[in-house]
Amino acid sequence: MYTVSITSSGQVSIPAKVRRDLGLQGRKKVLLSVQQGKVMIELVVDFLSLGGTFKNTAKKSGDPRKDFEEYLAREGANDPT
């Protein structure tokens, strides 16, 4: 547990050890909420930071319009309605 100060403009510093433990180095975004009278801070995962995490096995033609049309055709074939 840490004791921290609140500035006159409402800012709170998160101790360095806590930032390191939670991976909050650099400019990150967090969600702040109040739950049962406690302030909760959660790291927001930036979608772009996941680049390369998911494997895409779809073949691309290089033409975005054609790729989208082929995607719609495949999805339509899988639609049970």
N, C-alpha and C. Protein backbone atom coordinates (compact mmCIF):
# COMPACT_ATOMS: atom_id res chain seq x y z
N MET A 1 0.86 -1.17 0.00
CA MET A 1 0.00 0.00 0.00
C MET A 1 0.90 1.23 0.00
N TYR A 2 0.50 2.25 -0.73
CA TYR A 2 1.30 3.47 -0.86
C TYR A 2 0.47 4.68 -0.46
N THR A 3 1.11 5.66 0.14
CA THR A 3 0.48 6.94 0.42
C THR A 3 0.97 7.91 -0.65
N VAL A 4 0.03 8.53 -1.38
CA VAL A 4 0.37 9.48 -2.42
C VAL A 4 -0.40 10.77 -2.19
N SER A 5 0.08 11.85 -2.80
CA SER A 5 -0.57 13.15 -2.66
C SER A 5 -1.46 13.42 -3.87
N ILE A 6 -2.48 14.22 -3.64
CA ILE A 6 -3.36 14.70 -4.72
C ILE A 6 -3.06 16.18 -4.89
N THR A 7 -2.76 16.59 -6.13
CA THR A 7 -2.45 18.00 -6.38
C THR A 7 -3.73 18.82 -6.37
N SER A 8 -3.57 20.15 -6.40
CA SER A 8 -4.74 21.03 -6.40
C SER A 8 -5.58 20.86 -7.67
N SER A 9 -4.97 20.33 -8.74
CA SER A 9 -5.75 20.09 -9.96
C SER A 9 -6.24 18.65 -10.05
N GLY A 10 -6.12 17.90 -8.95
CA GLY A 10 -6.69 16.55 -8.87
C GLY A 10 -5.80 15.45 -9.42
N GLN A 11 -4.53 15.74 -9.67
CA GLN A 11 -3.63 14.73 -10.21
C GLN A 11 -3.01 13.90 -9.09
N VAL A 12 -2.84 12.61 -9.39
CA VAL A 12 -2.23 11.67 -8.45
C VAL A 12 -1.06 11.01 -9.17
N SER A 13 0.07 10.91 -8.50
CA SER A 13 1.22 10.21 -9.08
C SER A 13 1.16 8.75 -8.67
N ILE A 14 1.36 7.87 -9.65
CA ILE A 14 1.40 6.44 -9.37
C ILE A 14 2.87 6.08 -9.13
N PRO A 15 3.19 5.48 -8.00
CA PRO A 15 4.59 5.16 -7.70
C PRO A 15 5.25 4.31 -8.80
N ALA A 16 6.55 4.55 -9.01
CA ALA A 16 7.30 3.89 -10.09
C ALA A 16 7.19 2.37 -10.02
N LYS A 17 7.29 1.79 -8.84
CA LYS A 17 7.21 0.32 -8.72
C LYS A 17 5.85 -0.19 -9.20
N VAL A 18 4.79 0.51 -8.85
CA VAL A 18 3.45 0.10 -9.29
C VAL A 18 3.34 0.21 -10.80
N ARG A 19 3.86 1.31 -11.38
CA ARG A 19 3.83 1.48 -12.84
C ARG A 19 4.59 0.35 -13.53
N ARG A 20 5.76 0.01 -12.99
CA ARG A 20 6.54 -1.09 -13.59
C ARG A 20 5.79 -2.41 -13.48
N ASP A 21 5.25 -2.69 -12.29
CA ASP A 21 4.54 -3.96 -12.07
C ASP A 21 3.33 -4.11 -12.99
N LEU A 22 2.68 -2.99 -13.32
CA LEU A 22 1.47 -3.03 -14.16
C LEU A 22 1.76 -2.75 -15.63
N GLY A 23 3.01 -2.52 -15.98
CA GLY A 23 3.35 -2.25 -17.38
C GLY A 23 2.87 -0.89 -17.84
N LEU A 24 2.93 0.10 -16.98
CA LEU A 24 2.43 1.44 -17.31
C LEU A 24 3.55 2.39 -17.73
N GLN A 25 4.65 1.87 -18.29
CA GLN A 25 5.73 2.74 -18.73
C GLN A 25 5.30 3.50 -19.97
N GLY A 26 5.83 4.71 -20.12
CA GLY A 26 5.51 5.50 -21.30
C GLY A 26 4.11 6.08 -21.22
N ARG A 27 3.67 6.57 -22.35
CA ARG A 27 2.33 7.17 -22.41
C ARG A 27 1.30 6.08 -22.66
N LYS A 28 0.55 5.76 -21.66
CA LYS A 28 -0.49 4.73 -21.73
C LYS A 28 -1.82 5.34 -21.33
N LYS A 29 -2.89 4.66 -21.68
CA LYS A 29 -4.23 5.06 -21.26
C LYS A 29 -4.72 4.05 -20.25
N VAL A 30 -5.49 4.54 -19.27
CA VAL A 30 -6.08 3.66 -18.27
C VAL A 30 -7.56 4.01 -18.13
N LEU A 31 -8.31 3.05 -17.64
CA LEU A 31 -9.70 3.28 -17.26
C LEU A 31 -9.72 3.50 -15.76
N LEU A 32 -10.44 4.50 -15.33
CA LEU A 32 -10.56 4.79 -13.91
C LEU A 32 -12.02 4.65 -13.54
N SER A 33 -12.29 3.89 -12.49
CA SER A 33 -13.67 3.72 -12.04
C SER A 33 -13.69 3.71 -10.52
N VAL A 34 -14.87 3.89 -9.98
CA VAL A 34 -15.05 3.82 -8.53
C VAL A 34 -15.96 2.62 -8.25
N GLN A 35 -15.45 1.69 -7.45
CA GLN A 35 -16.20 0.48 -7.12
C GLN A 35 -16.19 0.31 -5.61
N GLN A 36 -17.38 0.34 -5.04
CA GLN A 36 -17.54 0.17 -3.60
C GLN A 36 -16.64 1.13 -2.82
N GLY A 37 -16.60 2.39 -3.28
CA GLY A 37 -15.85 3.41 -2.58
C GLY A 37 -14.34 3.38 -2.81
N LYS A 38 -13.88 2.55 -3.74
CA LYS A 38 -12.45 2.46 -4.05
C LYS A 38 -12.21 2.88 -5.48
N VAL A 39 -11.10 3.58 -5.70
CA VAL A 39 -10.71 3.98 -7.05
C VAL A 39 -9.97 2.81 -7.70
N MET A 40 -10.43 2.41 -8.87
CA MET A 40 -9.82 1.29 -9.60
C MET A 40 -9.20 1.84 -10.89
N ILE A 41 -7.99 1.41 -11.21
CA ILE A 41 -7.31 1.82 -12.43
C ILE A 41 -6.96 0.55 -13.21
N GLU A 42 -7.37 0.51 -14.49
CA GLU A 42 -7.08 -0.64 -15.34
C GLU A 42 -6.42 -0.15 -16.61
N LEU A 43 -5.40 -0.87 -17.07
CA LEU A 43 -4.71 -0.53 -18.29
C LEU A 43 -5.62 -0.76 -19.49
N VAL A 44 -5.67 0.20 -20.41
CA VAL A 44 -6.41 0.04 -21.66
C VAL A 44 -5.44 -0.55 -22.67
N VAL A 45 -5.79 -1.68 -23.26
CA VAL A 45 -4.95 -2.31 -24.26
C VAL A 45 -5.22 -1.64 -25.60
N ASP A 46 -4.18 -1.05 -26.17
CA ASP A 46 -4.29 -0.40 -27.47
C ASP A 46 -4.36 -1.48 -28.55
N PHE A 47 -5.41 -1.44 -29.36
CA PHE A 47 -5.62 -2.45 -30.40
C PHE A 47 -4.40 -2.53 -31.33
N LEU A 48 -3.82 -1.39 -31.68
CA LEU A 48 -2.68 -1.38 -32.59
C LEU A 48 -1.45 -2.04 -31.99
N SER A 49 -1.37 -2.07 -30.67
CA SER A 49 -0.22 -2.72 -30.03
C SER A 49 -0.27 -4.24 -30.20
N LEU A 50 -1.42 -4.76 -30.61
CA LEU A 50 -1.56 -6.20 -30.82
C LEU A 50 -1.11 -6.62 -32.20
N GLY A 51 -0.63 -5.67 -33.01
CA GLY A 51 -0.22 -5.98 -34.39
C GLY A 51 0.69 -7.18 -34.46
N GLY A 52 0.31 -8.15 -35.29
CA GLY A 52 1.11 -9.35 -35.43
C GLY A 52 0.78 -10.43 -34.42
N THR A 53 -0.08 -10.14 -33.46
CA THR A 53 -0.43 -11.13 -32.45
C THR A 53 -1.29 -12.24 -33.03
N PHE A 54 -2.21 -11.86 -33.91
CA PHE A 54 -3.14 -12.82 -34.49
C PHE A 54 -2.68 -13.19 -35.89
N LYS A 55 -2.68 -14.46 -36.20
CA LYS A 55 -2.25 -14.92 -37.50
C LYS A 55 -3.41 -14.83 -38.48
N ASN A 56 -3.16 -14.23 -39.63
CA ASN A 56 -4.17 -14.11 -40.67
C ASN A 56 -3.77 -15.03 -41.81
N THR A 57 -4.57 -16.06 -42.05
CA THR A 57 -4.25 -17.02 -43.10
C THR A 57 -4.97 -16.71 -44.40
N ALA A 58 -5.79 -15.65 -44.41
CA ALA A 58 -6.53 -15.30 -45.63
C ALA A 58 -5.57 -14.80 -46.70
N LYS A 59 -5.82 -15.23 -47.93
CA LYS A 59 -5.02 -14.76 -49.05
C LYS A 59 -5.60 -13.44 -49.52
N LYS A 60 -4.72 -12.50 -49.83
CA LYS A 60 -5.17 -11.19 -50.27
C LYS A 60 -4.72 -10.96 -51.70
N SER A 61 -5.58 -10.34 -52.49
CA SER A 61 -5.26 -10.07 -53.88
C SER A 61 -4.48 -8.79 -54.06
N GLY A 62 -4.48 -7.93 -53.05
CA GLY A 62 -3.88 -6.62 -53.19
C GLY A 62 -4.90 -5.56 -53.55
N ASP A 63 -6.11 -5.99 -53.90
CA ASP A 63 -7.21 -5.07 -54.25
C ASP A 63 -8.22 -5.12 -53.10
N PRO A 64 -8.26 -4.08 -52.26
CA PRO A 64 -9.15 -4.12 -51.09
C PRO A 64 -10.62 -4.36 -51.44
N ARG A 65 -11.09 -3.77 -52.53
CA ARG A 65 -12.50 -3.97 -52.93
C ARG A 65 -12.76 -5.44 -53.26
N LYS A 66 -11.86 -6.05 -54.04
CA LYS A 66 -12.02 -7.46 -54.41
C LYS A 66 -11.95 -8.34 -53.16
N ASP A 67 -10.98 -8.06 -52.28
CA ASP A 67 -10.85 -8.83 -51.04
C ASP A 67 -12.13 -8.75 -50.21
N PHE A 68 -12.73 -7.55 -50.12
CA PHE A 68 -13.95 -7.37 -49.36
C PHE A 68 -15.10 -8.13 -50.01
N GLU A 69 -15.21 -8.09 -51.33
CA GLU A 69 -16.28 -8.83 -52.03
C GLU A 69 -16.14 -10.32 -51.80
N GLU A 70 -14.89 -10.81 -51.83
CA GLU A 70 -14.67 -12.24 -51.59
C GLU A 70 -15.02 -12.61 -50.14
N TYR A 71 -14.70 -11.72 -49.22
CA TYR A 71 -15.06 -11.94 -47.82
C TYR A 71 -16.59 -12.03 -47.68
N LEU A 72 -17.31 -11.09 -48.29
CA LEU A 72 -18.77 -11.11 -48.22
C LEU A 72 -19.33 -12.36 -48.84
N ALA A 73 -18.75 -12.83 -49.95
CA ALA A 73 -19.23 -14.05 -50.59
C ALA A 73 -19.02 -15.25 -49.67
N ARG A 74 -17.85 -15.31 -49.00
CA ARG A 74 -17.59 -16.42 -48.09
C ARG A 74 -18.55 -16.39 -46.89
N GLU A 75 -18.74 -15.20 -46.31
CA GLU A 75 -19.60 -15.07 -45.15
C GLU A 75 -21.06 -15.37 -45.52
N GLY A 76 -21.46 -14.96 -46.71
CA GLY A 76 -22.82 -15.25 -47.18
C GLY A 76 -23.05 -16.74 -47.35
N ALA A 77 -22.01 -17.43 -47.78
CA ALA A 77 -22.11 -18.88 -47.95
C ALA A 77 -22.23 -19.58 -46.60
N ASN A 78 -21.71 -18.95 -45.55
CA ASN A 78 -21.77 -19.54 -44.21
C ASN A 78 -23.00 -19.12 -43.44
N ASP A 79 -23.78 -18.19 -43.98
CA ASP A 79 -24.96 -17.66 -43.28
C ASP A 79 -26.11 -18.64 -43.41
N PRO A 80 -26.63 -19.16 -42.30
CA PRO A 80 -27.70 -20.18 -42.36
C PRO A 80 -29.07 -19.60 -42.76
N THR A 81 -29.25 -18.29 -42.81
CA THR A 81 -30.56 -17.73 -43.14
C THR A 81 -30.77 -17.58 -44.62
